[in-house]
Amino acid sequence: MISLVLAICLASFYGGTCILSGLLQFPKKLIPTWAALSMVISGLVLIGTAILVVTNSVLFYVLATCLITLHLLAIYNGLYMHHKLNLFHHTIRAILSVVIIILFVI
């Protein structure tokens, strides 16, 4: 039970930071509008599925897809803005995603 609560909290935090990141990019226009909007939508879906996965285990696959989508968007946005990958940033994102998935599984 504790792992499930922790998983929901971590997924909500991660989704919330992605929403905030996407929203902050709209006025700056450093990335394409579709990419910023995709970050916001994927973050919202991540939070929603993290909460609802308790009632429907099929949503776990949606949650995993959101985590992958957010990571791919972060890679795209980093390449678009800086023309290179920030390996530390993406390693942290990957570790957080794996921890969220593990906490939902156990």
N, C-alpha and C. Protein backbone atom coordinates (compact mmCIF):
# COMPACT_ATOMS: atom_id res chain seq x y z
N MET A 1 0.82 -1.20 0.00
CA MET A 1 0.00 0.00 0.00
C MET A 1 0.87 1.27 0.00
N ILE A 2 1.94 1.23 0.78
CA ILE A 2 2.83 2.39 0.84
C ILE A 2 3.51 2.61 -0.52
N SER A 3 3.89 1.52 -1.17
CA SER A 3 4.54 1.67 -2.47
C SER A 3 3.57 2.26 -3.50
N LEU A 4 2.29 1.91 -3.40
CA LEU A 4 1.30 2.46 -4.32
C LEU A 4 1.10 3.95 -4.11
N VAL A 5 1.03 4.36 -2.86
CA VAL A 5 0.88 5.79 -2.55
C VAL A 5 2.12 6.56 -3.02
N LEU A 6 3.28 6.00 -2.77
CA LEU A 6 4.53 6.64 -3.20
C LEU A 6 4.59 6.72 -4.73
N ALA A 7 4.15 5.67 -5.41
CA ALA A 7 4.13 5.66 -6.88
C ALA A 7 3.20 6.75 -7.41
N ILE A 8 2.03 6.87 -6.83
CA ILE A 8 1.08 7.91 -7.26
C ILE A 8 1.66 9.30 -7.01
N CYS A 9 2.28 9.49 -5.86
CA CYS A 9 2.88 10.79 -5.55
C CYS A 9 4.02 11.13 -6.51
N LEU A 10 4.91 10.17 -6.77
CA LEU A 10 6.03 10.42 -7.69
C LEU A 10 5.54 10.67 -9.12
N ALA A 11 4.56 9.87 -9.56
CA ALA A 11 4.02 10.06 -10.91
C ALA A 11 3.32 11.42 -11.02
N SER A 12 2.62 11.82 -9.97
CA SER A 12 1.94 13.12 -9.97
C SER A 12 2.94 14.27 -9.97
N PHE A 13 4.00 14.12 -9.20
CA PHE A 13 5.06 15.13 -9.18
C PHE A 13 5.72 15.24 -10.55
N TYR A 14 6.05 14.11 -11.14
CA TYR A 14 6.70 14.08 -12.46
C TYR A 14 5.76 14.66 -13.51
N GLY A 15 4.50 14.24 -13.48
CA GLY A 15 3.53 14.79 -14.42
C GLY A 15 3.34 16.29 -14.24
N GLY A 16 3.30 16.72 -12.98
CA GLY A 16 3.15 18.15 -12.69
C GLY A 16 4.31 18.98 -13.18
N THR A 17 5.52 18.46 -13.02
CA THR A 17 6.69 19.21 -13.51
C THR A 17 6.70 19.27 -15.04
N CYS A 18 6.22 18.20 -15.67
CA CYS A 18 6.15 18.21 -17.14
C CYS A 18 5.08 19.19 -17.62
N ILE A 19 3.96 19.26 -16.91
CA ILE A 19 2.91 20.24 -17.25
C ILE A 19 3.47 21.64 -17.11
N LEU A 20 4.12 21.91 -16.00
CA LEU A 20 4.71 23.23 -15.76
C LEU A 20 5.74 23.57 -16.83
N SER A 21 6.57 22.61 -17.17
CA SER A 21 7.58 22.83 -18.21
C SER A 21 6.93 23.18 -19.54
N GLY A 22 5.90 22.43 -19.90
CA GLY A 22 5.20 22.70 -21.16
C GLY A 22 4.53 24.06 -21.16
N LEU A 23 3.89 24.41 -20.04
CA LEU A 23 3.21 25.71 -19.95
C LEU A 23 4.19 26.87 -20.02
N LEU A 24 5.35 26.71 -19.40
CA LEU A 24 6.36 27.77 -19.43
C LEU A 24 6.96 27.96 -20.82
N GLN A 25 6.91 26.92 -21.65
CA GLN A 25 7.47 27.01 -22.99
C GLN A 25 6.58 27.75 -23.98
N PHE A 26 5.27 27.82 -23.69
CA PHE A 26 4.37 28.51 -24.63
C PHE A 26 4.79 29.95 -24.90
N PRO A 27 4.97 30.79 -23.87
CA PRO A 27 5.35 32.18 -24.17
C PRO A 27 6.80 32.32 -24.66
N LYS A 28 7.67 31.43 -24.23
CA LYS A 28 9.08 31.52 -24.64
C LYS A 28 9.29 31.10 -26.08
N LYS A 29 8.47 30.18 -26.56
CA LYS A 29 8.55 29.69 -27.94
C LYS A 29 9.93 29.14 -28.30
N LEU A 30 10.59 28.49 -27.32
CA LEU A 30 11.89 27.88 -27.58
C LEU A 30 11.74 26.51 -28.23
N ILE A 31 10.55 25.91 -28.09
CA ILE A 31 10.25 24.64 -28.73
C ILE A 31 8.95 24.82 -29.51
N PRO A 32 8.67 23.93 -30.46
CA PRO A 32 7.42 24.05 -31.21
C PRO A 32 6.20 23.94 -30.29
N THR A 33 5.14 24.60 -30.68
CA THR A 33 3.91 24.60 -29.89
C THR A 33 3.39 23.19 -29.66
N TRP A 34 3.46 22.35 -30.68
CA TRP A 34 2.96 20.98 -30.54
C TRP A 34 3.73 20.21 -29.47
N ALA A 35 5.03 20.50 -29.34
CA ALA A 35 5.85 19.80 -28.35
C ALA A 35 5.49 20.26 -26.93
N ALA A 36 5.29 21.56 -26.77
CA ALA A 36 4.88 22.09 -25.46
C ALA A 36 3.51 21.56 -25.07
N LEU A 37 2.59 21.56 -26.03
CA LEU A 37 1.24 21.06 -25.77
C LEU A 37 1.28 19.56 -25.46
N SER A 38 2.12 18.83 -26.14
CA SER A 38 2.26 17.40 -25.89
C SER A 38 2.79 17.13 -24.48
N MET A 39 3.70 17.97 -24.01
CA MET A 39 4.20 17.83 -22.64
C MET A 39 3.07 18.03 -21.63
N VAL A 40 2.25 19.05 -21.87
CA VAL A 40 1.14 19.34 -20.96
C VAL A 40 0.14 18.19 -20.96
N ILE A 41 -0.26 17.75 -22.14
CA ILE A 41 -1.26 16.68 -22.24
C ILE A 41 -0.72 15.38 -21.66
N SER A 42 0.50 15.03 -21.98
CA SER A 42 1.10 13.79 -21.46
C SER A 42 1.23 13.84 -19.94
N GLY A 43 1.58 15.01 -19.41
CA GLY A 43 1.66 15.17 -17.95
C GLY A 43 0.30 15.00 -17.29
N LEU A 44 -0.74 15.55 -17.90
CA LEU A 44 -2.09 15.40 -17.37
C LEU A 44 -2.55 13.94 -17.42
N VAL A 45 -2.28 13.29 -18.53
CA VAL A 45 -2.66 11.87 -18.65
C VAL A 45 -1.88 11.02 -17.65
N LEU A 46 -0.62 11.34 -17.43
CA LEU A 46 0.19 10.60 -16.45
C LEU A 46 -0.43 10.72 -15.06
N ILE A 47 -0.79 11.91 -14.66
CA ILE A 47 -1.39 12.09 -13.34
C ILE A 47 -2.72 11.35 -13.25
N GLY A 48 -3.54 11.49 -14.27
CA GLY A 48 -4.84 10.82 -14.27
C GLY A 48 -4.73 9.31 -14.21
N THR A 49 -3.84 8.76 -15.01
CA THR A 49 -3.70 7.30 -15.01
C THR A 49 -3.04 6.80 -13.73
N ALA A 50 -2.15 7.59 -13.16
CA ALA A 50 -1.52 7.18 -11.89
C ALA A 50 -2.57 7.04 -10.80
N ILE A 51 -3.54 7.92 -10.82
CA ILE A 51 -4.61 7.86 -9.81
C ILE A 51 -5.59 6.73 -10.13
N LEU A 52 -5.94 6.58 -11.40
CA LEU A 52 -6.97 5.61 -11.79
C LEU A 52 -6.46 4.19 -11.98
N VAL A 53 -5.14 3.99 -12.04
CA VAL A 53 -4.60 2.65 -12.24
C VAL A 53 -5.01 1.72 -11.09
N VAL A 54 -5.35 2.28 -9.95
CA VAL A 54 -5.79 1.48 -8.81
C VAL A 54 -7.10 0.76 -9.14
N THR A 55 -7.96 1.41 -9.92
CA THR A 55 -9.26 0.82 -10.23
C THR A 55 -9.25 -0.01 -11.51
N ASN A 56 -8.26 0.20 -12.37
CA ASN A 56 -8.21 -0.52 -13.64
C ASN A 56 -6.75 -0.78 -14.01
N SER A 57 -6.32 -2.01 -13.86
CA SER A 57 -4.91 -2.33 -14.07
C SER A 57 -4.46 -2.16 -15.52
N VAL A 58 -5.38 -2.14 -16.47
CA VAL A 58 -5.02 -1.92 -17.87
C VAL A 58 -4.41 -0.54 -18.05
N LEU A 59 -4.78 0.40 -17.20
CA LEU A 59 -4.24 1.76 -17.29
C LEU A 59 -2.75 1.81 -16.99
N PHE A 60 -2.21 0.74 -16.42
CA PHE A 60 -0.77 0.69 -16.18
C PHE A 60 -0.01 0.84 -17.51
N TYR A 61 -0.54 0.26 -18.57
CA TYR A 61 0.11 0.35 -19.88
C TYR A 61 0.03 1.76 -20.44
N VAL A 62 -1.05 2.46 -20.14
CA VAL A 62 -1.17 3.87 -20.54
C VAL A 62 -0.14 4.69 -19.77
N LEU A 63 -0.01 4.40 -18.47
CA LEU A 63 0.96 5.10 -17.63
C LEU A 63 2.38 4.89 -18.16
N ALA A 64 2.72 3.65 -18.50
CA ALA A 64 4.06 3.36 -19.03
C ALA A 64 4.27 4.08 -20.36
N THR A 65 3.24 4.12 -21.18
CA THR A 65 3.33 4.82 -22.47
C THR A 65 3.55 6.32 -22.26
N CYS A 66 2.88 6.89 -21.26
CA CYS A 66 3.07 8.32 -20.95
C CYS A 66 4.50 8.59 -20.52
N LEU A 67 5.05 7.72 -19.69
CA LEU A 67 6.43 7.91 -19.24
C LEU A 67 7.39 7.87 -20.42
N ILE A 68 7.18 6.94 -21.33
CA ILE A 68 8.03 6.85 -22.52
C ILE A 68 7.86 8.07 -23.40
N THR A 69 6.61 8.48 -23.59
CA THR A 69 6.31 9.67 -24.41
C THR A 69 6.97 10.91 -23.84
N LEU A 70 6.87 11.10 -22.54
CA LEU A 70 7.49 12.27 -21.91
C LEU A 70 9.01 12.25 -22.08
N HIS A 71 9.59 11.07 -21.99
CA HIS A 71 11.04 10.99 -22.17
C HIS A 71 11.43 11.32 -23.62
N LEU A 72 10.69 10.78 -24.56
CA LEU A 72 10.98 11.08 -25.97
C LEU A 72 10.78 12.57 -26.28
N LEU A 73 9.75 13.17 -25.70
CA LEU A 73 9.54 14.61 -25.89
C LEU A 73 10.69 15.42 -25.28
N ALA A 74 11.17 14.99 -24.12
CA ALA A 74 12.29 15.69 -23.48
C ALA A 74 13.55 15.59 -24.35
N ILE A 75 13.76 14.43 -24.94
CA ILE A 75 14.91 14.27 -25.83
C ILE A 75 14.76 15.19 -27.04
N TYR A 76 13.58 15.18 -27.65
CA TYR A 76 13.33 16.05 -28.81
C TYR A 76 13.53 17.52 -28.44
N ASN A 77 12.93 17.93 -27.33
CA ASN A 77 13.03 19.34 -26.92
C ASN A 77 14.47 19.74 -26.63
N GLY A 78 15.23 18.87 -25.98
CA GLY A 78 16.63 19.17 -25.70
C GLY A 78 17.44 19.30 -26.98
N LEU A 79 17.21 18.40 -27.92
CA LEU A 79 17.91 18.49 -29.20
C LEU A 79 17.48 19.73 -29.97
N TYR A 80 16.21 20.08 -29.90
CA TYR A 80 15.70 21.24 -30.62
C TYR A 80 16.30 22.54 -30.06
N MET A 81 16.37 22.63 -28.73
CA MET A 81 16.85 23.88 -28.11
C MET A 81 18.38 23.97 -28.06
N HIS A 82 19.04 22.86 -27.74
CA HIS A 82 20.48 22.91 -27.48
C HIS A 82 21.32 22.15 -28.50
N HIS A 83 20.68 21.43 -29.39
CA HIS A 83 21.36 20.65 -30.43
C HIS A 83 22.29 19.57 -29.86
N LYS A 84 21.98 19.13 -28.64
CA LYS A 84 22.73 18.04 -28.01
C LYS A 84 21.88 17.45 -26.89
N LEU A 85 22.28 16.27 -26.42
CA LEU A 85 21.59 15.62 -25.32
C LEU A 85 22.30 15.94 -24.01
N ASN A 86 21.50 16.15 -22.98
CA ASN A 86 22.02 16.30 -21.63
C ASN A 86 21.87 14.94 -20.96
N LEU A 87 22.92 14.14 -20.97
CA LEU A 87 22.85 12.76 -20.49
C LEU A 87 22.44 12.68 -19.02
N PHE A 88 22.91 13.59 -18.20
CA PHE A 88 22.53 13.57 -16.78
C PHE A 88 21.03 13.76 -16.63
N HIS A 89 20.48 14.73 -17.33
CA HIS A 89 19.05 15.03 -17.28
C HIS A 89 18.23 13.80 -17.70
N HIS A 90 18.62 13.17 -18.77
CA HIS A 90 17.85 12.03 -19.28
C HIS A 90 18.06 10.77 -18.43
N THR A 91 19.21 10.66 -17.81
CA THR A 91 19.44 9.55 -16.89
C THR A 91 18.53 9.68 -15.67
N ILE A 92 18.43 10.88 -15.13
CA ILE A 92 17.54 11.12 -13.99
C ILE A 92 16.10 10.84 -14.37
N ARG A 93 15.68 11.30 -15.54
CA ARG A 93 14.31 11.03 -16.02
C ARG A 93 14.06 9.53 -16.15
N ALA A 94 15.02 8.82 -16.72
CA ALA A 94 14.87 7.38 -16.91
C ALA A 94 14.79 6.65 -15.57
N ILE A 95 15.65 7.03 -14.63
CA ILE A 95 15.63 6.41 -13.31
C ILE A 95 14.29 6.67 -12.62
N LEU A 96 13.81 7.89 -12.69
CA LEU A 96 12.53 8.23 -12.07
C LEU A 96 11.40 7.41 -12.70
N SER A 97 11.42 7.27 -14.01
CA SER A 97 10.39 6.48 -14.69
C SER A 97 10.44 5.01 -14.26
N VAL A 98 11.64 4.46 -14.18
CA VAL A 98 11.78 3.07 -13.75
C VAL A 98 11.31 2.89 -12.31
N VAL A 99 11.66 3.82 -11.43
CA VAL A 99 11.22 3.75 -10.04
C VAL A 99 9.70 3.80 -9.96
N ILE A 100 9.07 4.67 -10.73
CA ILE A 100 7.60 4.76 -10.73
C ILE A 100 7.00 3.44 -11.17
N ILE A 101 7.52 2.86 -12.24
CA ILE A 101 6.99 1.59 -12.73
C ILE A 101 7.18 0.48 -11.71
N ILE A 102 8.36 0.41 -11.11
CA ILE A 102 8.62 -0.62 -10.09
C ILE A 102 7.67 -0.46 -8.91
N LEU A 103 7.45 0.76 -8.47
CA LEU A 103 6.56 0.97 -7.32
C LEU A 103 5.12 0.58 -7.64
N PHE A 104 4.70 0.75 -8.88
CA PHE A 104 3.36 0.32 -9.26
C PHE A 104 3.27 -1.20 -9.35
N VAL A 105 4.36 -1.85 -9.73
CA VAL A 105 4.34 -3.31 -9.90
C VAL A 105 4.37 -4.03 -8.56
N ILE A 106 5.16 -3.53 -7.61
CA ILE A 106 5.28 -4.27 -6.33
C ILE A 106 4.11 -4.01 -5.40
